[in-house]
Amino acid sequence: ILSLLEKELIKFNKKLEKTDFFYDTNIINDFISVSNDYLYNSNIYDLSIEAEVNFINNKSILKIFSKTQSPIIINKIQISGNAITKDKTIRSKIDFEPGDIINDDILIDLENRLNNLNYLNSVEISSLDTGNNSNDILLEIDENKKTGSINLAGSISGDTGLGFGLNINDKNIRGSGNELDFSI
């Protein structure tokens, strides 16, 4: 494990050397994500890699460190607050299922991915300890209920004559998460 993380750290350092006066958060986040994915795929659930920037004496100091955490065994996944978007549409975006072992970083990553969907305004994920070494994962959805529009336009011109336009757009067709954009 350490040899792979050391290789990733060397690549990370080379990328950081190319930036002159600031830390590129994309490079840092990519390194953190690759490192944590590797730990998770190696069945190491109680350890994560994190980063923070401290300002000391007018200098920015990037600190990358490992953090121990308690793994979470999933009992069930509960979704609430969705009136239009189907449960199966939201569940298709979740990389884990009941019985899997995850950690807090995976929940944070899922929350970020779900919050980037056009048809969801916000998602809050929490973990509820149910005893028996397992937790329920609760997803509180605030969805965008007005995801579609129909636009109709007409024009008249001495040069081109009559004109007509129709545009239909929906970012969450019938709660499926699919998008439609049609113009004529």
C-alpha atoms as a PDB file:
ATOM      1  CA  ILE A   1       0.000   0.000   0.000  1.00  0.00           C
ATOM      2  CA  LEU A   2       2.701   2.453   0.973  1.00  0.00           C
ATOM      3  CA  SER A   3       4.607   1.961  -2.279  1.00  0.00           C
ATOM      4  CA  LEU A   4       1.542   2.936  -4.352  1.00  0.00           C
ATOM      5  CA  LEU A   5       0.810   5.914  -2.129  1.00  0.00           C
ATOM      6  CA  GLU A   6       4.471   6.946  -2.337  1.00  0.00           C
ATOM      7  CA  LYS A   7       4.262   6.820  -6.151  1.00  0.00           C
ATOM      8  CA  GLU A   8       1.110   8.936  -6.072  1.00  0.00           C
ATOM      9  CA  LEU A   9       2.822  11.372  -3.695  1.00  0.00           C
ATOM     10  CA  ILE A  10       5.792  11.724  -6.075  1.00  0.00           C
ATOM     11  CA  LYS A  11       3.421  12.464  -8.988  1.00  0.00           C
ATOM     12  CA  PHE A  12       1.539  14.879  -6.757  1.00  0.00           C
ATOM     13  CA  ASN A  13       4.745  16.739  -5.815  1.00  0.00           C
ATOM     14  CA  LYS A  14       5.741  17.079  -9.485  1.00  0.00           C
ATOM     15  CA  LYS A  15       2.354  18.582 -10.320  1.00  0.00           C
ATOM     16  CA  LEU A  16       2.591  20.992  -7.385  1.00  0.00           C
ATOM     17  CA  GLU A  17       6.059  22.142  -8.490  1.00  0.00           C
ATOM     18  CA  LYS A  18       4.497  23.419 -11.736  1.00  0.00           C
ATOM     19  CA  THR A  19       2.288  25.859  -9.837  1.00  0.00           C
ATOM     20  CA  ASP A  20       4.278  28.892  -8.739  1.00  0.00           C
ATOM     21  CA  PHE A  21       2.490  30.828  -6.011  1.00  0.00           C
ATOM     22  CA  PHE A  22      -0.574  28.886  -4.999  1.00  0.00           C
ATOM     23  CA  TYR A  23      -1.886  25.418  -4.311  1.00  0.00           C
ATOM     24  CA  ASP A  24      -4.096  24.061  -7.074  1.00  0.00           C
ATOM     25  CA  THR A  25      -7.089  22.581  -5.237  1.00  0.00           C
ATOM     26  CA  ASN A  26      -7.906  20.335  -8.210  1.00  0.00           C
ATOM     27  CA  ILE A  27      -4.479  18.664  -7.990  1.00  0.00           C
ATOM     28  CA  ILE A  28      -4.827  18.266  -4.226  1.00  0.00           C
ATOM     29  CA  ASN A  29      -8.380  16.878  -4.464  1.00  0.00           C
ATOM     30  CA  ASP A  30      -7.347  14.449  -7.227  1.00  0.00           C
ATOM     31  CA  PHE A  31      -4.514  13.124  -5.076  1.00  0.00           C
ATOM     32  CA  ILE A  32      -6.800  12.742  -2.048  1.00  0.00           C
ATOM     33  CA  SER A  33      -9.440  11.001  -4.155  1.00  0.00           C
ATOM     34  CA  VAL A  34      -6.969   8.563  -5.790  1.00  0.00           C
ATOM     35  CA  SER A  35      -5.377   7.768  -2.429  1.00  0.00           C
ATOM     36  CA  ASN A  36      -8.697   7.154  -0.662  1.00  0.00           C
ATOM     37  CA  ASP A  37     -10.028   5.093  -3.581  1.00  0.00           C
ATOM     38  CA  TYR A  38      -6.944   2.916  -3.384  1.00  0.00           C
ATOM     39  CA  LEU A  39      -7.366   2.432   0.367  1.00  0.00           C
ATOM     40  CA  TYR A  40     -11.052   1.583  -0.063  1.00  0.00           C
ATOM     41  CA  ASN A  41     -10.385  -0.847  -2.942  1.00  0.00           C
ATOM     42  CA  SER A  42      -7.695  -2.494  -0.779  1.00  0.00           C
ATOM     43  CA  ASN A  43     -10.336  -3.109   1.934  1.00  0.00           C
ATOM     44  CA  ILE A  44      -8.780  -0.563   4.274  1.00  0.00           C
ATOM     45  CA  TYR A  45     -11.846   1.203   5.632  1.00  0.00           C
ATOM     46  CA  ASP A  46     -10.465   2.639   8.862  1.00  0.00           C
ATOM     47  CA  LEU A  47      -7.920   4.982   7.278  1.00  0.00           C
ATOM     48  CA  SER A  48      -8.266   8.007   5.012  1.00  0.00           C
ATOM     49  CA  ILE A  49      -5.941  10.598   3.513  1.00  0.00           C
ATOM     50  CA  GLU A  50      -6.807  14.254   4.104  1.00  0.00           C
ATOM     51  CA  ALA A  51      -5.303  17.674   3.432  1.00  0.00           C
ATOM     52  CA  GLU A  52      -5.471  21.093   4.998  1.00  0.00           C
ATOM     53  CA  VAL A  53      -3.793  24.420   4.362  1.00  0.00           C
ATOM     54  CA  ASN A  54      -2.512  26.379   7.371  1.00  0.00           C
ATOM     55  CA  PHE A  55      -1.382  29.983   7.279  1.00  0.00           C
ATOM     56  CA  ILE A  56       1.653  30.543   9.489  1.00  0.00           C
ATOM     57  CA  ASN A  57       3.806  33.706   9.360  1.00  0.00           C
ATOM     58  CA  ASN A  58       2.222  34.797   6.056  1.00  0.00           C
ATOM     59  CA  LYS A  59       3.033  31.446   4.449  1.00  0.00           C
ATOM     60  CA  SER A  60       0.658  28.789   3.209  1.00  0.00           C
ATOM     61  CA  ILE A  61       1.606  25.352   4.440  1.00  0.00           C
ATOM     62  CA  LEU A  62      -0.056  22.331   2.877  1.00  0.00           C
ATOM     63  CA  LYS A  63      -0.398  19.428   5.284  1.00  0.00           C
ATOM     64  CA  ILE A  64      -1.323  15.963   3.993  1.00  0.00           C
ATOM     65  CA  PHE A  65      -2.001  13.387   6.661  1.00  0.00           C
ATOM     66  CA  SER A  66      -3.714  10.090   7.355  1.00  0.00           C
ATOM     67  CA  LYS A  67      -6.689   9.920   9.651  1.00  0.00           C
ATOM     68  CA  THR A  68      -8.174   6.883  11.333  1.00  0.00           C
ATOM     69  CA  GLN A  69     -11.931   6.536  11.290  1.00  0.00           C
ATOM     70  CA  SER A  70     -14.545   3.973  12.139  1.00  0.00           C
ATOM     71  CA  PRO A  71     -15.850   1.985   9.196  1.00  0.00           C
ATOM     72  CA  ILE A  72     -19.602   1.962   8.625  1.00  0.00           C
ATOM     73  CA  ILE A  73     -21.520  -1.225   7.811  1.00  0.00           C
ATOM     74  CA  ILE A  74     -24.674  -0.274   5.937  1.00  0.00           C
ATOM     75  CA  ASN A  75     -27.948  -1.640   7.299  1.00  0.00           C
ATOM     76  CA  LYS A  76     -30.288   0.170   4.884  1.00  0.00           C
ATOM     77  CA  ILE A  77     -30.449   3.284   2.707  1.00  0.00           C
ATOM     78  CA  GLN A  78     -33.436   5.577   3.231  1.00  0.00           C
ATOM     79  CA  ILE A  79     -34.333   8.313   0.733  1.00  0.00           C
ATOM     80  CA  SER A  80     -36.818  11.051   1.610  1.00  0.00           C
ATOM     81  CA  GLY A  81     -37.978  14.365   0.151  1.00  0.00           C
ATOM     82  CA  ASN A  82     -38.206  13.264  -3.467  1.00  0.00           C
ATOM     83  CA  ALA A  83     -41.660  13.762  -4.973  1.00  0.00           C
ATOM     84  CA  ILE A  84     -40.783  13.641  -8.681  1.00  0.00           C
ATOM     85  CA  THR A  85     -37.446  11.863  -8.926  1.00  0.00           C
ATOM     86  CA  LYS A  86     -37.838   8.131  -8.535  1.00  0.00           C
ATOM     87  CA  ASP A  87     -36.006   6.267  -5.766  1.00  0.00           C
ATOM     88  CA  LYS A  88     -34.394   3.972  -8.322  1.00  0.00           C
ATOM     89  CA  THR A  89     -32.991   7.008 -10.171  1.00  0.00           C
ATOM     90  CA  ILE A  90     -31.288   8.249  -7.005  1.00  0.00           C
ATOM     91  CA  ARG A  91     -30.183   4.739  -5.988  1.00  0.00           C
ATOM     92  CA  SER A  92     -28.523   4.315  -9.401  1.00  0.00           C
ATOM     93  CA  LYS A  93     -26.124   7.115  -8.408  1.00  0.00           C
ATOM     94  CA  ILE A  94     -25.115   5.348  -5.155  1.00  0.00           C
ATOM     95  CA  ASP A  95     -22.022   3.118  -5.366  1.00  0.00           C
ATOM     96  CA  PHE A  96     -22.823   1.013  -2.309  1.00  0.00           C
ATOM     97  CA  GLU A  97     -25.692  -1.063  -0.971  1.00  0.00           C
ATOM     98  CA  PRO A  98     -26.793  -2.619   2.330  1.00  0.00           C
ATOM     99  CA  GLY A  99     -24.154  -4.939   3.724  1.00  0.00           C
ATOM    100  CA  ASP A 100     -21.220  -2.962   2.285  1.00  0.00           C
ATOM    101  CA  ILE A 101     -18.538  -1.416   4.462  1.00  0.00           C
ATOM    102  CA  ILE A 102     -17.846   2.268   3.787  1.00  0.00           C
ATOM    103  CA  ASN A 103     -16.382   5.279   5.562  1.00  0.00           C
ATOM    104  CA  ASP A 104     -17.213   8.967   5.926  1.00  0.00           C
ATOM    105  CA  ASP A 105     -15.189   9.956   2.839  1.00  0.00           C
ATOM    106  CA  ILE A 106     -17.440   7.861   0.624  1.00  0.00           C
ATOM    107  CA  LEU A 107     -20.521   9.581   2.060  1.00  0.00           C
ATOM    108  CA  ILE A 108     -18.960  13.016   1.473  1.00  0.00           C
ATOM    109  CA  ASP A 109     -18.085  12.070  -2.121  1.00  0.00           C
ATOM    110  CA  LEU A 110     -21.632  10.816  -2.737  1.00  0.00           C
ATOM    111  CA  GLU A 111     -23.133  14.001  -1.302  1.00  0.00           C
ATOM    112  CA  ASN A 112     -20.936  16.123  -3.590  1.00  0.00           C
ATOM    113  CA  ARG A 113     -21.880  14.078  -6.673  1.00  0.00           C
ATOM    114  CA  LEU A 114     -25.615  14.209  -5.899  1.00  0.00           C
ATOM    115  CA  ASN A 115     -25.485  17.955  -5.258  1.00  0.00           C
ATOM    116  CA  ASN A 116     -24.081  18.416  -8.783  1.00  0.00           C
ATOM    117  CA  LEU A 117     -27.145  16.883 -10.454  1.00  0.00           C
ATOM    118  CA  ASN A 118     -29.331  19.407 -12.326  1.00  0.00           C
ATOM    119  CA  TYR A 119     -32.604  18.061 -11.002  1.00  0.00           C
ATOM    120  CA  LEU A 120     -31.619  18.144  -7.314  1.00  0.00           C
ATOM    121  CA  ASN A 121     -31.294  21.438  -5.425  1.00  0.00           C
ATOM    122  CA  SER A 122     -29.504  19.895  -2.452  1.00  0.00           C
ATOM    123  CA  VAL A 123     -28.850  16.591  -0.730  1.00  0.00           C
ATOM    124  CA  GLU A 124     -27.923  16.042   2.893  1.00  0.00           C
ATOM    125  CA  ILE A 125     -26.567  12.648   3.894  1.00  0.00           C
ATOM    126  CA  SER A 126     -26.407  11.442   7.460  1.00  0.00           C
ATOM    127  CA  SER A 127     -25.605   8.179   9.171  1.00  0.00           C
ATOM    128  CA  LEU A 128     -27.781   6.794  11.963  1.00  0.00           C
ATOM    129  CA  ASP A 129     -26.286   4.179  14.287  1.00  0.00           C
ATOM    130  CA  THR A 130     -28.738   1.284  14.579  1.00  0.00           C
ATOM    131  CA  GLY A 131     -26.612  -0.835  16.905  1.00  0.00           C
ATOM    132  CA  ASN A 132     -25.445  -4.291  15.818  1.00  0.00           C
ATOM    133  CA  ASN A 133     -22.358  -2.641  14.234  1.00  0.00           C
ATOM    134  CA  SER A 134     -24.459  -1.178  11.426  1.00  0.00           C
ATOM    135  CA  ASN A 135     -25.808   2.191  10.342  1.00  0.00           C
ATOM    136  CA  ASP A 136     -28.716   3.424   8.272  1.00  0.00           C
ATOM    137  CA  ILE A 137     -27.764   5.950   5.607  1.00  0.00           C
ATOM    138  CA  LEU A 138     -30.321   8.751   5.326  1.00  0.00           C
ATOM    139  CA  LEU A 139     -30.551  10.889   2.182  1.00  0.00           C
ATOM    140  CA  GLU A 140     -32.677  14.028   2.541  1.00  0.00           C
ATOM    141  CA  ILE A 141     -33.458  15.281  -0.965  1.00  0.00           C
ATOM    142  CA  ASP A 142     -34.552  18.779  -1.965  1.00  0.00           C
ATOM    143  CA  GLU A 143     -35.358  18.382  -5.623  1.00  0.00           C
ATOM    144  CA  ASN A 144     -35.975  20.924  -8.339  1.00  0.00           C
ATOM    145  CA  LYS A 145     -39.674  20.492  -9.040  1.00  0.00           C
ATOM    146  CA  LYS A 146     -39.642  22.767 -12.111  1.00  0.00           C
ATOM    147  CA  THR A 147     -37.132  21.124 -14.427  1.00  0.00           C
ATOM    148  CA  GLY A 148     -38.894  21.593 -17.740  1.00  0.00           C
ATOM    149  CA  SER A 149     -39.933  24.366 -20.065  1.00  0.00           C
ATOM    150  CA  ILE A 150     -41.694  24.825 -23.389  1.00  0.00           C
ATOM    151  CA  ASN A 151     -40.930  27.908 -25.471  1.00  0.00           C
ATOM    152  CA  LEU A 152     -42.895  28.933 -28.544  1.00  0.00           C
ATOM    153  CA  ALA A 153     -41.832  31.880 -30.701  1.00  0.00           C
ATOM    154  CA  GLY A 154     -42.977  33.482 -33.917  1.00  0.00           C
ATOM    155  CA  SER A 155     -41.606  36.228 -36.098  1.00  0.00           C
ATOM    156  CA  ILE A 156     -42.462  38.151 -39.204  1.00  0.00           C
ATOM    157  CA  SER A 157     -39.952  39.949 -41.371  1.00  0.00           C
ATOM    158  CA  GLY A 158     -40.024  41.736 -44.697  1.00  0.00           C
ATOM    159  CA  ASP A 159     -36.850  39.905 -45.739  1.00  0.00           C
ATOM    160  CA  THR A 160     -37.543  36.305 -44.688  1.00  0.00           C
ATOM    161  CA  GLY A 161     -41.309  36.268 -44.143  1.00  0.00           C
ATOM    162  CA  LEU A 162     -42.867  34.258 -41.347  1.00  0.00           C
ATOM    163  CA  GLY A 163     -40.771  32.400 -38.806  1.00  0.00           C
ATOM    164  CA  PHE A 164     -41.651  29.852 -36.134  1.00  0.00           C
ATOM    165  CA  GLY A 165     -39.654  28.299 -33.287  1.00  0.00           C
ATOM    166  CA  LEU A 166     -40.358  25.625 -30.681  1.00  0.00           C
ATOM    167  CA  ASN A 167     -38.077  24.542 -27.835  1.00  0.00           C
ATOM    168  CA  ILE A 168     -38.857  21.786 -25.306  1.00  0.00           C
ATOM    169  CA  ASN A 169     -36.429  21.213 -22.444  1.00  0.00           C
ATOM    170  CA  ASP A 170     -36.673  18.966 -19.370  1.00  0.00           C
ATOM    171  CA  LYS A 171     -33.797  17.996 -17.056  1.00  0.00           C
ATOM    172  CA  ASN A 172     -35.679  15.193 -15.252  1.00  0.00           C
ATOM    173  CA  ILE A 173     -38.125  13.474 -17.597  1.00  0.00           C
ATOM    174  CA  ARG A 174     -40.802  11.768 -15.510  1.00  0.00           C
ATOM    175  CA  GLY A 175     -38.398  11.491 -12.553  1.00  0.00           C
ATOM    176  CA  SER A 176     -35.908   9.340 -14.446  1.00  0.00           C
ATOM    177  CA  GLY A 177     -32.957  11.752 -14.329  1.00  0.00           C
ATOM    178  CA  ASN A 178     -32.838  11.747 -18.133  1.00  0.00           C
ATOM    179  CA  GLU A 179     -32.657  15.042 -19.998  1.00  0.00           C
ATOM    180  CA  LEU A 180     -34.510  16.242 -23.102  1.00  0.00           C
ATOM    181  CA  ASP A 181     -33.555  19.259 -25.200  1.00  0.00           C
ATOM    182  CA  PHE A 182     -35.502  19.604 -28.454  1.00  0.00           C
ATOM    183  CA  SER A 183     -35.569  22.616 -30.780  1.00  0.00           C
ATOM    184  CA  ILE A 184     -37.128  23.190 -34.161  1.00  0.00           C
END
